[in-house]
């Protein structure tokens, strides 16, 4: 069983290297929500897993974890997104922490065009390969 988890974790890490990471998407999308009502974030991410109070601010928390562990380190999906709102219930700042596989879920919820396995960066041409066919006219 541990060997299967290791193989799965290794495959996820290799595949994650093929696409774009979710962290710039989270940064851009959450940054764009600063000053917006908390409801704007909830509309995109869904209901938070929990809420708390910290230094006079309300904190909305979304988190995901599959609970997998290998050699004491979390290898599976895990991500936590925290959105801090002021007394007017407007987004003041945010924080996120997790791995590529876990945070990609939240990146996609914030930006539907985000896909972990489809990079928007064009791949360099393979030496000796024929040029790509032109795109069909729309």
Protein backbone atom coordinates (compact mmCIF):
# COMPACT_ATOMS: atom_id res chain seq x y z
CA UNK A 1 0.00 0.00 0.00
CA UNK A 2 2.82 2.41 0.86
CA UNK A 3 4.49 1.62 -2.46
CA UNK A 4 1.26 2.46 -4.31
CA UNK A 5 1.00 5.80 -2.49
CA UNK A 6 4.61 6.56 -3.36
CA UNK A 7 4.03 5.76 -7.05
CA UNK A 8 0.85 7.88 -7.08
CA UNK A 9 2.59 10.78 -5.35
CA UNK A 10 5.53 10.58 -7.77
CA UNK A 11 3.15 10.54 -10.74
CA UNK A 12 1.31 13.60 -9.41
CA UNK A 13 4.57 15.47 -8.98
CA UNK A 14 5.71 14.62 -12.51
CA UNK A 15 2.36 15.59 -14.01
CA UNK A 16 2.27 18.79 -11.99
CA UNK A 17 5.50 19.82 -13.66
CA UNK A 18 3.79 19.57 -17.05
CA UNK A 19 1.23 22.28 -16.41
CA UNK A 20 1.18 25.64 -14.76
CA UNK A 21 1.04 25.92 -11.02
CA UNK A 22 -2.03 27.34 -9.30
CA UNK A 23 -0.17 29.83 -7.11
CA UNK A 24 0.01 32.78 -9.55
CA UNK A 25 -3.68 32.25 -10.31
CA UNK A 26 -4.57 32.29 -6.61
CA UNK A 27 -2.45 35.40 -6.09
CA UNK A 28 -4.00 37.28 -9.02
CA UNK A 29 -7.60 36.26 -8.41
CA UNK A 30 -7.59 36.77 -4.64
CA UNK A 31 -5.69 40.04 -5.08
CA UNK A 32 -8.39 41.20 -7.46
CA UNK A 33 -11.00 40.60 -4.78
CA UNK A 34 -9.42 42.97 -2.23
CA UNK A 35 -11.99 45.56 -1.18
CA UNK A 36 -14.86 43.41 -2.47
CA UNK A 37 -17.56 42.01 -0.16
CA UNK A 38 -16.77 38.62 1.35
CA UNK A 39 -19.78 37.28 -0.55
CA UNK A 40 -17.82 37.74 -3.82
CA UNK A 41 -15.22 35.23 -2.60
CA UNK A 42 -17.88 32.85 -1.28
CA UNK A 43 -19.64 32.99 -4.63
CA UNK A 44 -16.45 31.77 -6.32
CA UNK A 45 -15.06 29.34 -3.74
CA UNK A 46 -18.30 28.13 -2.17
CA UNK A 47 -19.11 28.10 1.52
CA UNK A 48 -15.98 28.13 3.71
CA UNK A 49 -15.08 25.09 5.80
CA UNK A 50 -14.85 27.34 8.85
CA UNK A 51 -14.78 30.93 10.03
CA UNK A 52 -12.89 32.47 12.92
CA UNK A 53 -11.90 35.82 14.38
CA UNK A 54 -8.32 37.10 14.43
CA UNK A 55 -7.15 40.55 15.57
CA UNK A 56 -10.59 42.06 15.03
CA UNK A 57 -10.97 40.56 11.56
CA UNK A 58 -13.23 37.75 10.48
CA UNK A 59 -11.36 34.94 8.71
CA UNK A 60 -13.03 32.70 6.14
CA UNK A 61 -11.14 29.43 5.68
CA UNK A 62 -11.34 26.92 2.85
CA UNK A 63 -9.26 23.79 3.16
CA UNK A 64 -8.84 20.45 1.50
CA UNK A 65 -6.74 17.44 2.39
CA UNK A 66 -6.87 13.79 1.49
CA UNK A 67 -4.91 12.81 4.59
CA UNK A 68 -2.25 10.82 2.74
CA UNK A 69 1.16 10.78 4.32
CA UNK A 70 4.44 9.21 3.31
CA UNK A 71 7.41 9.03 5.67
CA UNK A 72 5.82 11.64 7.89
CA UNK A 73 5.38 14.23 5.11
CA UNK A 74 2.05 15.09 3.55
CA UNK A 75 2.17 14.00 -0.08
CA UNK A 76 -1.47 14.01 -1.07
CA UNK A 77 -3.76 16.88 -1.86
CA UNK A 78 -3.71 19.72 0.64
CA UNK A 79 -4.42 23.42 0.49
CA UNK A 80 -5.73 26.10 2.82
CA UNK A 81 -7.04 29.47 1.64
CA UNK A 82 -7.71 32.15 4.25
CA UNK A 83 -9.53 35.38 3.45
CA UNK A 84 -9.49 38.10 6.10
CA UNK A 85 -12.30 40.64 6.02
CA UNK A 86 -12.63 43.97 7.82
CA UNK A 87 -15.54 45.13 9.99
CA UNK A 88 -17.43 46.12 6.82
CA UNK A 89 -17.14 42.49 5.61
CA UNK A 90 -14.81 43.51 2.76
CA UNK A 91 -11.72 41.52 1.76
CA UNK A 92 -8.69 43.08 3.49
CA UNK A 93 -6.04 40.46 2.74
CA UNK A 94 -5.61 36.75 2.16
CA UNK A 95 -3.21 33.86 2.56
CA UNK A 96 -2.89 30.43 1.01
CA UNK A 97 -0.68 27.45 1.63
CA UNK A 98 -0.54 23.97 0.17
CA UNK A 99 0.74 21.92 -2.70
CA UNK A 100 0.10 22.14 -6.44
CA UNK A 101 -2.38 19.27 -6.52
CA UNK A 102 -4.41 20.59 -3.59
CA UNK A 103 -4.46 24.29 -4.53
CA UNK A 104 -5.34 23.66 -8.19
CA UNK A 105 -8.94 23.00 -7.10
CA UNK A 106 -9.26 26.51 -5.65
CA UNK A 107 -7.42 28.10 -8.58
CA UNK A 108 -9.96 26.57 -10.97
CA UNK A 109 -12.87 27.79 -8.85
CA UNK A 110 -11.47 31.33 -8.97
CA UNK A 111 -10.56 31.19 -12.67
CA UNK A 112 -12.46 28.65 -14.77
CA UNK A 113 -9.79 28.82 -17.49
CA UNK A 114 -7.16 27.42 -15.11
CA UNK A 115 -6.32 23.77 -15.70
CA UNK A 116 -3.37 22.13 -13.98
CA UNK A 117 -2.68 19.80 -16.89
CA UNK A 118 -2.98 22.31 -19.73
CA UNK A 119 -0.21 24.80 -19.89
CA UNK A 120 -0.75 28.13 -21.58
CA UNK A 121 2.98 28.29 -22.26
CA UNK A 122 3.71 26.96 -25.75
CA UNK A 123 6.09 24.02 -25.86
CA UNK A 124 9.30 24.54 -27.83
CA UNK A 125 9.36 22.74 -31.19
CA UNK A 126 10.93 19.31 -31.30
CA UNK A 127 14.12 19.38 -33.37
CA UNK A 128 13.50 17.77 -36.77
CA UNK A 129 9.71 17.70 -36.36
CA UNK A 130 7.54 19.20 -39.12
CA UNK A 131 6.02 22.62 -38.33
CA UNK A 132 2.52 22.57 -36.80
CA UNK A 133 -0.45 22.82 -39.14
CA UNK A 134 -2.05 26.28 -39.28
CA UNK A 135 -5.18 26.77 -37.21
CA UNK A 136 -8.45 26.59 -39.19
CA UNK A 137 -10.06 29.93 -40.03
CA UNK A 138 -12.99 30.77 -37.78
